[in-house]
């Protein structure tokens, strides 16, 4: 597949790649994404680790 670079240095992504069908019901499309559970806990742990890596003190 071929892509193009614009005069401003931006990459043009061909339409067959960038077109993604969207489910008419966002709730139905998202259903089942958190099957393993603990999604919020994992998110908080990841963010805490990122802050510690950046040297930011927790509040």
Protein backbone atom coordinates (compact mmCIF):
# COMPACT_ATOMS: atom_id res chain seq x y z
CA UNK A 1 0.00 0.00 0.00
CA UNK A 2 1.24 3.46 -0.81
CA UNK A 3 0.93 6.59 1.34
CA UNK A 4 1.67 10.22 0.58
CA UNK A 5 3.46 12.96 2.51
CA UNK A 6 1.86 16.41 2.31
CA UNK A 7 3.76 19.68 1.93
CA UNK A 8 3.32 20.22 5.68
CA UNK A 9 4.95 16.87 6.47
CA UNK A 10 1.78 14.99 7.35
CA UNK A 11 1.21 11.42 6.22
CA UNK A 12 -1.93 10.68 4.24
CA UNK A 13 -3.36 7.30 5.25
CA UNK A 14 -5.18 5.52 2.39
CA UNK A 15 -8.95 5.23 2.84
CA UNK A 16 -9.09 1.40 2.94
CA UNK A 17 -6.89 1.46 6.02
CA UNK A 18 -8.46 4.34 7.92
CA UNK A 19 -12.13 3.46 7.35
CA UNK A 20 -13.32 1.42 10.32
CA UNK A 21 -16.98 0.45 10.52
CA UNK A 22 -18.63 1.82 13.64
CA UNK A 23 -21.25 -0.22 15.45
CA UNK A 24 -24.50 1.76 15.67
CA UNK A 25 -24.70 0.92 19.38
CA UNK A 26 -21.54 1.92 21.28
CA UNK A 27 -22.69 -0.01 24.35
CA UNK A 28 -23.12 -3.19 22.33
CA UNK A 29 -19.70 -2.68 20.68
CA UNK A 30 -18.00 -2.28 24.08
CA UNK A 31 -19.77 -5.22 25.70
CA UNK A 32 -17.39 -7.94 26.84
CA UNK A 33 -14.23 -5.80 26.75
CA UNK A 34 -13.67 -6.10 30.50
CA UNK A 35 -14.25 -9.83 30.88
CA UNK A 36 -11.17 -10.54 32.98
CA UNK A 37 -12.28 -7.98 35.60
CA UNK A 38 -10.24 -5.51 37.60
CA UNK A 39 -9.95 -3.03 34.73
CA UNK A 40 -10.20 0.00 37.00
CA UNK A 41 -7.67 -1.45 39.43
CA UNK A 42 -5.20 -2.11 36.59
CA UNK A 43 -5.68 1.43 35.26
CA UNK A 44 -5.04 2.99 38.67
CA UNK A 45 -1.95 0.80 39.19
CA UNK A 46 -0.55 1.71 35.77
CA UNK A 47 -1.08 5.42 36.36
CA UNK A 48 0.51 5.18 39.81
CA UNK A 49 3.55 3.45 38.27
CA UNK A 50 3.79 6.13 35.57
CA UNK A 51 3.68 8.92 38.18
CA UNK A 52 6.37 7.20 40.23
CA UNK A 53 8.53 6.81 37.13
CA UNK A 54 8.13 10.53 36.46
CA UNK A 55 8.96 11.38 40.06
CA UNK A 56 5.59 12.96 40.84
CA UNK A 57 4.48 12.70 44.47
CA UNK A 58 1.05 11.20 45.11
CA UNK A 59 -1.64 13.32 46.69
